């Protein structure tokens, strides 16, 4: 097959050719929509889960920090944060594995994995907590700038949440690693931020920008799509074939 349809053929580049969906998997298609429900991705995946079983054994471990944040929000009587964290946890799909259809002698899977680290920029506590809840809901870790607001908030958070947060005095340096960014603030600063991130060497970093108080963070932008095809015949055969007939 020469060429590929974006969001369909499960081969091509996740960073390099041959390691993931070419030019973006199914989640990429949602970028083409002007408007969509916040649970659009979840609805689509649930329809597939009705036909084939979902494997989510990795999610409990990935969500430990998120659960600690939710419990902290309950203790702090931050009801809006509790509700938001619960919604993000429902929508988050990090650490899930789904079987794909394929011919006899081949096993195809589609995994959604959390991005390693997300740069989170906010100038007030409410927005910083919104970003934190979203990132932890998919199982990623957070990179905060070295600032008094973030340091003061960090000191109040549970140890389990602190373990998922790192700081940088100058995140613009190429040696500071992150593979997505979330920003709350005005449009002019967002434009400047996008220009700064675009100048970084290495892989393209996706930036989500929001006005103060907005909570409609797109969790699928914080995920990596990974498809894997295994030739079970070459790997020693498919034992499940023995049960046919």
C-alpha atoms as a PDB file:
ATOM      1  CA  UNK A   1       0.000   0.000   0.000  1.00  0.00           C
ATOM      2  CA  UNK A   2       1.391   3.376  -0.997  1.00  0.00           C
ATOM      3  CA  UNK A   3       0.249   6.376   0.983  1.00  0.00           C
ATOM      4  CA  UNK A   4      -2.175   6.374   3.881  1.00  0.00           C
ATOM      5  CA  UNK A   5      -5.456   7.885   4.984  1.00  0.00           C
ATOM      6  CA  UNK A   6      -5.013   9.974   8.131  1.00  0.00           C
ATOM      7  CA  UNK A   7      -6.747   8.345  11.070  1.00  0.00           C
ATOM      8  CA  UNK A   8      -7.160   4.974   9.352  1.00  0.00           C
ATOM      9  CA  UNK A   9      -4.035   3.029   8.355  1.00  0.00           C
ATOM     10  CA  UNK A  10      -2.244   1.942  11.564  1.00  0.00           C
ATOM     11  CA  UNK A  11       1.333   2.377  10.401  1.00  0.00           C
ATOM     12  CA  UNK A  12       3.845   5.166   9.974  1.00  0.00           C
ATOM     13  CA  UNK A  13       5.312   7.751  12.264  1.00  0.00           C
ATOM     14  CA  UNK A  14       4.969   8.173  15.970  1.00  0.00           C
ATOM     15  CA  UNK A  15       8.182  10.138  16.015  1.00  0.00           C
ATOM     16  CA  UNK A  16       9.712   7.837  13.401  1.00  0.00           C
ATOM     17  CA  UNK A  17       8.264   5.821  10.523  1.00  0.00           C
ATOM     18  CA  UNK A  18       6.863   2.428  11.402  1.00  0.00           C
ATOM     19  CA  UNK A  19       6.104   3.148  15.060  1.00  0.00           C
ATOM     20  CA  UNK A  20       2.512   4.353  15.096  1.00  0.00           C
ATOM     21  CA  UNK A  21      -0.407   5.802  13.114  1.00  0.00           C
ATOM     22  CA  UNK A  22       0.807   7.639  10.029  1.00  0.00           C
ATOM     23  CA  UNK A  23       0.272  11.403  10.380  1.00  0.00           C
ATOM     24  CA  UNK A  24      -2.104  10.820  13.297  1.00  0.00           C
ATOM     25  CA  UNK A  25      -4.526   8.088  14.293  1.00  0.00           C
ATOM     26  CA  UNK A  26      -8.279   8.219  14.946  1.00  0.00           C
ATOM     27  CA  UNK A  27      -7.950  10.945  17.600  1.00  0.00           C
ATOM     28  CA  UNK A  28      -6.436  13.275  15.019  1.00  0.00           C
ATOM     29  CA  UNK A  29      -9.760  13.454  13.181  1.00  0.00           C
ATOM     30  CA  UNK A  30     -11.386  15.393  16.027  1.00  0.00           C
ATOM     31  CA  UNK A  31      -9.183  18.364  15.166  1.00  0.00           C
ATOM     32  CA  UNK A  32     -11.226  18.767  11.985  1.00  0.00           C
ATOM     33  CA  UNK A  33     -14.387  19.566  13.960  1.00  0.00           C
ATOM     34  CA  UNK A  34     -15.351  23.159  14.738  1.00  0.00           C
ATOM     35  CA  UNK A  35     -17.556  22.031  17.629  1.00  0.00           C
ATOM     36  CA  UNK A  36     -18.002  18.737  19.488  1.00  0.00           C
ATOM     37  CA  UNK A  37     -19.292  17.381  22.806  1.00  0.00           C
ATOM     38  CA  UNK A  38     -16.618  17.050  25.479  1.00  0.00           C
ATOM     39  CA  UNK A  39     -17.246  13.284  25.559  1.00  0.00           C
ATOM     40  CA  UNK A  40     -17.079  12.749  21.783  1.00  0.00           C
ATOM     41  CA  UNK A  41     -13.927  10.616  21.992  1.00  0.00           C
ATOM     42  CA  UNK A  42     -15.313   8.556  24.869  1.00  0.00           C
ATOM     43  CA  UNK A  43     -18.553   7.843  22.976  1.00  0.00           C
ATOM     44  CA  UNK A  44     -16.639   6.593  19.940  1.00  0.00           C
ATOM     45  CA  UNK A  45     -14.364   4.360  21.989  1.00  0.00           C
ATOM     46  CA  UNK A  46     -17.289   2.988  23.999  1.00  0.00           C
ATOM     47  CA  UNK A  47     -18.976   1.837  20.794  1.00  0.00           C
ATOM     48  CA  UNK A  48     -15.877  -0.169  19.911  1.00  0.00           C
ATOM     49  CA  UNK A  49     -15.634  -1.521  23.462  1.00  0.00           C
ATOM     50  CA  UNK A  50     -19.129  -2.973  23.061  1.00  0.00           C
ATOM     51  CA  UNK A  51     -17.747  -5.194  20.279  1.00  0.00           C
ATOM     52  CA  UNK A  52     -14.281  -6.004  21.618  1.00  0.00           C
ATOM     53  CA  UNK A  53     -13.051  -6.085  25.228  1.00  0.00           C
ATOM     54  CA  UNK A  54     -11.039  -3.152  26.561  1.00  0.00           C
ATOM     55  CA  UNK A  55      -7.832  -3.754  28.519  1.00  0.00           C
ATOM     56  CA  UNK A  56      -7.190  -1.056  31.133  1.00  0.00           C
ATOM     57  CA  UNK A  57      -4.983  -2.780  33.702  1.00  0.00           C
ATOM     58  CA  UNK A  58      -2.456   0.078  33.607  1.00  0.00           C
ATOM     59  CA  UNK A  59      -4.958   2.816  34.478  1.00  0.00           C
ATOM     60  CA  UNK A  60      -5.177   2.325  38.280  1.00  0.00           C
ATOM     61  CA  UNK A  61      -1.441   2.911  38.654  1.00  0.00           C
ATOM     62  CA  UNK A  62      -1.514   5.907  36.309  1.00  0.00           C
ATOM     63  CA  UNK A  63      -4.410   7.498  38.215  1.00  0.00           C
ATOM     64  CA  UNK A  64      -2.913   7.355  41.718  1.00  0.00           C
ATOM     65  CA  UNK A  65      -1.753  10.971  41.621  1.00  0.00           C
ATOM     66  CA  UNK A  66      -5.093  12.076  40.190  1.00  0.00           C
ATOM     67  CA  UNK A  67      -6.993  10.294  42.946  1.00  0.00           C
ATOM     68  CA  UNK A  68      -4.766  11.954  45.540  1.00  0.00           C
ATOM     69  CA  UNK A  69      -5.555  15.354  44.002  1.00  0.00           C
ATOM     70  CA  UNK A  70      -9.281  14.634  44.100  1.00  0.00           C
ATOM     71  CA  UNK A  71      -9.106  13.597  47.759  1.00  0.00           C
ATOM     72  CA  UNK A  72      -7.136  16.755  48.544  1.00  0.00           C
ATOM     73  CA  UNK A  73      -9.779  18.864  46.795  1.00  0.00           C
ATOM     74  CA  UNK A  74     -12.482  17.222  48.925  1.00  0.00           C
ATOM     75  CA  UNK A  75     -10.533  17.992  52.106  1.00  0.00           C
ATOM     76  CA  UNK A  76      -9.989  21.586  50.936  1.00  0.00           C
ATOM     77  CA  UNK A  77     -13.722  21.906  50.186  1.00  0.00           C
ATOM     78  CA  UNK A  78     -13.041  22.858  46.572  1.00  0.00           C
ATOM     79  CA  UNK A  79     -16.235  21.404  45.150  1.00  0.00           C
ATOM     80  CA  UNK A  80     -15.707  22.753  41.621  1.00  0.00           C
ATOM     81  CA  UNK A  81     -12.288  21.125  41.429  1.00  0.00           C
ATOM     82  CA  UNK A  82     -13.722  17.832  42.727  1.00  0.00           C
ATOM     83  CA  UNK A  83     -16.402  17.830  40.023  1.00  0.00           C
ATOM     84  CA  UNK A  84     -13.890  18.764  37.339  1.00  0.00           C
ATOM     85  CA  UNK A  85     -11.392  16.108  38.421  1.00  0.00           C
ATOM     86  CA  UNK A  86     -14.089  13.439  38.375  1.00  0.00           C
ATOM     87  CA  UNK A  87     -15.147  14.477  34.882  1.00  0.00           C
ATOM     88  CA  UNK A  88     -11.574  14.413  33.597  1.00  0.00           C
ATOM     89  CA  UNK A  89     -11.060  10.948  35.104  1.00  0.00           C
ATOM     90  CA  UNK A  90     -14.166   9.734  33.273  1.00  0.00           C
ATOM     91  CA  UNK A  91     -12.967  11.157  29.961  1.00  0.00           C
ATOM     92  CA  UNK A  92      -9.282  10.260  30.297  1.00  0.00           C
ATOM     93  CA  UNK A  93      -8.122   7.260  28.270  1.00  0.00           C
ATOM     94  CA  UNK A  94      -4.438   7.011  29.142  1.00  0.00           C
ATOM     95  CA  UNK A  95      -3.248   3.463  29.738  1.00  0.00           C
ATOM     96  CA  UNK A  96      -5.910   1.708  27.662  1.00  0.00           C
ATOM     97  CA  UNK A  97      -5.375  -1.032  25.074  1.00  0.00           C
ATOM     98  CA  UNK A  98      -7.920  -2.075  22.467  1.00  0.00           C
ATOM     99  CA  UNK A  99      -7.792  -5.007  20.020  1.00  0.00           C
ATOM    100  CA  UNK A 100      -8.225  -4.206  16.345  1.00  0.00           C
ATOM    101  CA  UNK A 101      -9.656  -6.522  13.685  1.00  0.00           C
ATOM    102  CA  UNK A 102      -7.122  -8.387  11.574  1.00  0.00           C
ATOM    103  CA  UNK A 103      -6.542 -11.521   9.511  1.00  0.00           C
ATOM    104  CA  UNK A 104      -5.817 -14.954  10.945  1.00  0.00           C
ATOM    105  CA  UNK A 105      -2.259 -15.197  12.241  1.00  0.00           C
ATOM    106  CA  UNK A 106      -2.016 -11.518  13.128  1.00  0.00           C
ATOM    107  CA  UNK A 107      -2.750  -9.603  16.359  1.00  0.00           C
ATOM    108  CA  UNK A 108      -3.383  -5.869  16.092  1.00  0.00           C
ATOM    109  CA  UNK A 109      -3.762  -3.537  19.071  1.00  0.00           C
ATOM    110  CA  UNK A 110      -4.388   0.187  19.557  1.00  0.00           C
ATOM    111  CA  UNK A 111      -2.968   1.742  22.727  1.00  0.00           C
ATOM    112  CA  UNK A 112      -3.496   5.202  24.185  1.00  0.00           C
ATOM    113  CA  UNK A 113      -0.537   6.228  26.311  1.00  0.00           C
ATOM    114  CA  UNK A 114       0.020   9.405  28.343  1.00  0.00           C
ATOM    115  CA  UNK A 115       2.527  11.901  27.084  1.00  0.00           C
ATOM    116  CA  UNK A 116       5.545  11.972  29.345  1.00  0.00           C
ATOM    117  CA  UNK A 117       5.413  15.598  30.506  1.00  0.00           C
ATOM    118  CA  UNK A 118       3.103  18.558  29.882  1.00  0.00           C
ATOM    119  CA  UNK A 119       4.157  22.184  30.324  1.00  0.00           C
ATOM    120  CA  UNK A 120       1.419  23.981  32.281  1.00  0.00           C
ATOM    121  CA  UNK A 121       1.384  27.793  32.343  1.00  0.00           C
ATOM    122  CA  UNK A 122      -1.147  29.763  34.405  1.00  0.00           C
ATOM    123  CA  UNK A 123      -1.088  32.966  36.437  1.00  0.00           C
ATOM    124  CA  UNK A 124      -3.724  32.023  39.013  1.00  0.00           C
ATOM    125  CA  UNK A 125      -4.319  29.040  41.266  1.00  0.00           C
ATOM    126  CA  UNK A 126      -7.690  28.014  39.818  1.00  0.00           C
ATOM    127  CA  UNK A 127      -6.321  27.649  36.289  1.00  0.00           C
ATOM    128  CA  UNK A 128      -3.182  25.904  37.563  1.00  0.00           C
ATOM    129  CA  UNK A 129      -5.335  23.332  39.370  1.00  0.00           C
ATOM    130  CA  UNK A 130      -7.514  22.844  36.291  1.00  0.00           C
ATOM    131  CA  UNK A 131      -4.433  22.082  34.213  1.00  0.00           C
ATOM    132  CA  UNK A 132      -3.050  19.795  36.914  1.00  0.00           C
ATOM    133  CA  UNK A 133      -6.293  17.802  37.119  1.00  0.00           C
ATOM    134  CA  UNK A 134      -6.415  17.357  33.335  1.00  0.00           C
ATOM    135  CA  UNK A 135      -2.819  16.188  33.007  1.00  0.00           C
ATOM    136  CA  UNK A 136      -3.017  13.764  35.935  1.00  0.00           C
ATOM    137  CA  UNK A 137      -6.288  12.335  34.569  1.00  0.00           C
ATOM    138  CA  UNK A 138      -4.447  10.857  31.587  1.00  0.00           C
ATOM    139  CA  UNK A 139      -1.455   9.713  33.636  1.00  0.00           C
ATOM    140  CA  UNK A 140       1.066  12.335  32.511  1.00  0.00           C
ATOM    141  CA  UNK A 141       3.381  14.428  34.670  1.00  0.00           C
ATOM    142  CA  UNK A 142       3.389  18.226  34.933  1.00  0.00           C
ATOM    143  CA  UNK A 143       6.155  20.741  34.279  1.00  0.00           C
ATOM    144  CA  UNK A 144       5.674  24.046  36.107  1.00  0.00           C
ATOM    145  CA  UNK A 145       7.744  27.217  35.742  1.00  0.00           C
ATOM    146  CA  UNK A 146       9.768  28.200  38.798  1.00  0.00           C
ATOM    147  CA  UNK A 147       7.382  30.854  40.157  1.00  0.00           C
ATOM    148  CA  UNK A 148       6.014  31.765  43.582  1.00  0.00           C
ATOM    149  CA  UNK A 149       2.424  30.875  42.644  1.00  0.00           C
ATOM    150  CA  UNK A 150       3.334  27.353  41.589  1.00  0.00           C
ATOM    151  CA  UNK A 151       5.780  26.816  44.463  1.00  0.00           C
ATOM    152  CA  UNK A 152       3.221  27.900  47.060  1.00  0.00           C
ATOM    153  CA  UNK A 153       0.593  25.597  45.567  1.00  0.00           C
ATOM    154  CA  UNK A 154       3.069  22.719  45.324  1.00  0.00           C
ATOM    155  CA  UNK A 155       3.808  22.908  49.054  1.00  0.00           C
ATOM    156  CA  UNK A 156       0.106  22.428  49.841  1.00  0.00           C
ATOM    157  CA  UNK A 157      -0.411  19.391  47.613  1.00  0.00           C
ATOM    158  CA  UNK A 158      -0.200  15.723  48.707  1.00  0.00           C
ATOM    159  CA  UNK A 159       3.103  13.897  48.288  1.00  0.00           C
ATOM    160  CA  UNK A 160       1.595  11.623  45.614  1.00  0.00           C
ATOM    161  CA  UNK A 161       0.718  14.682  43.534  1.00  0.00           C
ATOM    162  CA  UNK A 162       4.065  16.375  44.155  1.00  0.00           C
ATOM    163  CA  UNK A 163       5.784  13.295  42.729  1.00  0.00           C
ATOM    164  CA  UNK A 164       4.152  14.042  39.362  1.00  0.00           C
ATOM    165  CA  UNK A 165       5.316  17.673  39.258  1.00  0.00           C
ATOM    166  CA  UNK A 166       8.695  19.044  38.230  1.00  0.00           C
ATOM    167  CA  UNK A 167       9.937  22.628  37.931  1.00  0.00           C
ATOM    168  CA  UNK A 168      12.051  24.543  35.449  1.00  0.00           C
ATOM    169  CA  UNK A 169      13.651  27.970  35.835  1.00  0.00           C
ATOM    170  CA  UNK A 170      13.781  28.340  32.054  1.00  0.00           C
ATOM    171  CA  UNK A 171      11.475  25.981  30.163  1.00  0.00           C
ATOM    172  CA  UNK A 172      12.474  27.572  26.837  1.00  0.00           C
ATOM    173  CA  UNK A 173      15.817  25.777  26.852  1.00  0.00           C
ATOM    174  CA  UNK A 174      15.899  22.831  24.450  1.00  0.00           C
ATOM    175  CA  UNK A 175      17.264  20.549  27.166  1.00  0.00           C
ATOM    176  CA  UNK A 176      14.029  20.987  29.154  1.00  0.00           C
ATOM    177  CA  UNK A 177      11.820  18.172  27.911  1.00  0.00           C
ATOM    178  CA  UNK A 178       8.035  18.295  27.470  1.00  0.00           C
ATOM    179  CA  UNK A 179       5.816  17.059  24.661  1.00  0.00           C
ATOM    180  CA  UNK A 180       2.626  19.121  25.100  1.00  0.00           C
ATOM    181  CA  UNK A 181       1.655  22.474  26.599  1.00  0.00           C
ATOM    182  CA  UNK A 182      -1.445  23.987  28.212  1.00  0.00           C
ATOM    183  CA  UNK A 183      -1.797  27.750  28.666  1.00  0.00           C
ATOM    184  CA  UNK A 184      -4.393  29.953  30.369  1.00  0.00           C
ATOM    185  CA  UNK A 185      -4.204  33.683  29.642  1.00  0.00           C
ATOM    186  CA  UNK A 186      -4.774  36.308  26.973  1.00  0.00           C
ATOM    187  CA  UNK A 187      -4.479  35.825  23.229  1.00  0.00           C
ATOM    188  CA  UNK A 188      -1.400  38.023  22.741  1.00  0.00           C
ATOM    189  CA  UNK A 189       0.632  36.045  25.257  1.00  0.00           C
ATOM    190  CA  UNK A 190      -0.610  32.801  23.698  1.00  0.00           C
ATOM    191  CA  UNK A 191       0.672  33.920  20.305  1.00  0.00           C
ATOM    192  CA  UNK A 192       4.077  34.694  21.811  1.00  0.00           C
ATOM    193  CA  UNK A 193       4.116  31.333  23.591  1.00  0.00           C
ATOM    194  CA  UNK A 194       3.372  29.448  20.370  1.00  0.00           C
ATOM    195  CA  UNK A 195       6.220  31.263  18.617  1.00  0.00           C
ATOM    196  CA  UNK A 196       8.620  30.402  21.445  1.00  0.00           C
ATOM    197  CA  UNK A 197       7.674  26.729  21.436  1.00  0.00           C
ATOM    198  CA  UNK A 198       7.843  26.554  17.630  1.00  0.00           C
ATOM    199  CA  UNK A 199      11.482  27.660  17.793  1.00  0.00           C
ATOM    200  CA  UNK A 200      12.443  24.668  19.939  1.00  0.00           C
ATOM    201  CA  UNK A 201      14.415  21.924  18.234  1.00  0.00           C
ATOM    202  CA  UNK A 202      13.030  18.404  18.107  1.00  0.00           C
ATOM    203  CA  UNK A 203       9.488  17.136  17.768  1.00  0.00           C
ATOM    204  CA  UNK A 204       6.551  19.496  17.297  1.00  0.00           C
ATOM    205  CA  UNK A 205       4.861  20.342  20.611  1.00  0.00           C
ATOM    206  CA  UNK A 206       1.081  20.790  20.625  1.00  0.00           C
ATOM    207  CA  UNK A 207      -0.162  23.882  22.505  1.00  0.00           C
ATOM    208  CA  UNK A 208      -3.677  24.286  23.902  1.00  0.00           C
ATOM    209  CA  UNK A 209      -4.630  27.849  24.813  1.00  0.00           C
ATOM    210  CA  UNK A 210      -7.576  28.945  26.944  1.00  0.00           C
ATOM    211  CA  UNK A 211      -8.997  32.095  28.495  1.00  0.00           C
ATOM    212  CA  UNK A 212      -8.963  32.400  32.265  1.00  0.00           C
ATOM    213  CA  UNK A 213     -11.458  30.037  33.875  1.00  0.00           C
ATOM    214  CA  UNK A 214     -12.026  27.791  30.856  1.00  0.00           C
ATOM    215  CA  UNK A 215     -11.996  24.063  31.609  1.00  0.00           C
ATOM    216  CA  UNK A 216     -12.609  22.485  28.187  1.00  0.00           C
ATOM    217  CA  UNK A 217      -9.121  20.991  27.911  1.00  0.00           C
ATOM    218  CA  UNK A 218      -8.892  18.375  25.154  1.00  0.00           C
ATOM    219  CA  UNK A 219      -7.510  15.337  26.934  1.00  0.00           C
ATOM    220  CA  UNK A 220      -6.833  13.414  23.722  1.00  0.00           C
ATOM    221  CA  UNK A 221      -4.152  15.994  22.857  1.00  0.00           C
ATOM    222  CA  UNK A 222      -2.269  14.738  25.926  1.00  0.00           C
ATOM    223  CA  UNK A 223      -2.156  11.165  24.626  1.00  0.00           C
ATOM    224  CA  UNK A 224       0.067   9.174  22.285  1.00  0.00           C
ATOM    225  CA  UNK A 225      -1.628   6.790  19.835  1.00  0.00           C
ATOM    226  CA  UNK A 226       0.322   3.591  19.326  1.00  0.00           C
ATOM    227  CA  UNK A 227      -0.685   0.732  17.051  1.00  0.00           C
ATOM    228  CA  UNK A 228       1.092  -2.614  17.138  1.00  0.00           C
ATOM    229  CA  UNK A 229       0.802  -5.500  14.701  1.00  0.00           C
ATOM    230  CA  UNK A 230       2.212  -8.888  15.730  1.00  0.00           C
ATOM    231  CA  UNK A 231       2.651 -11.758  13.283  1.00  0.00           C
ATOM    232  CA  UNK A 232       1.558 -14.538  15.638  1.00  0.00           C
ATOM    233  CA  UNK A 233       2.459 -17.223  13.097  1.00  0.00           C
ATOM    234  CA  UNK A 234       6.072 -16.053  12.974  1.00  0.00           C
ATOM    235  CA  UNK A 235       6.073 -15.712  16.767  1.00  0.00           C
ATOM    236  CA  UNK A 236       5.238 -19.398  17.230  1.00  0.00           C
ATOM    237  CA  UNK A 237       1.655 -19.646  16.129  1.00  0.00           C
ATOM    238  CA  UNK A 238      -1.716 -18.573  17.431  1.00  0.00           C
ATOM    239  CA  UNK A 239      -2.914 -21.032  20.061  1.00  0.00           C
ATOM    240  CA  UNK A 240      -6.454 -19.680  19.831  1.00  0.00           C
ATOM    241  CA  UNK A 241      -6.764 -21.286  16.389  1.00  0.00           C
ATOM    242  CA  UNK A 242      -6.785 -24.685  18.115  1.00  0.00           C
ATOM    243  CA  UNK A 243     -10.193 -23.862  19.587  1.00  0.00           C
ATOM    244  CA  UNK A 244     -11.848 -23.262  16.229  1.00  0.00           C
ATOM    245  CA  UNK A 245     -14.195 -25.983  15.038  1.00  0.00           C
END
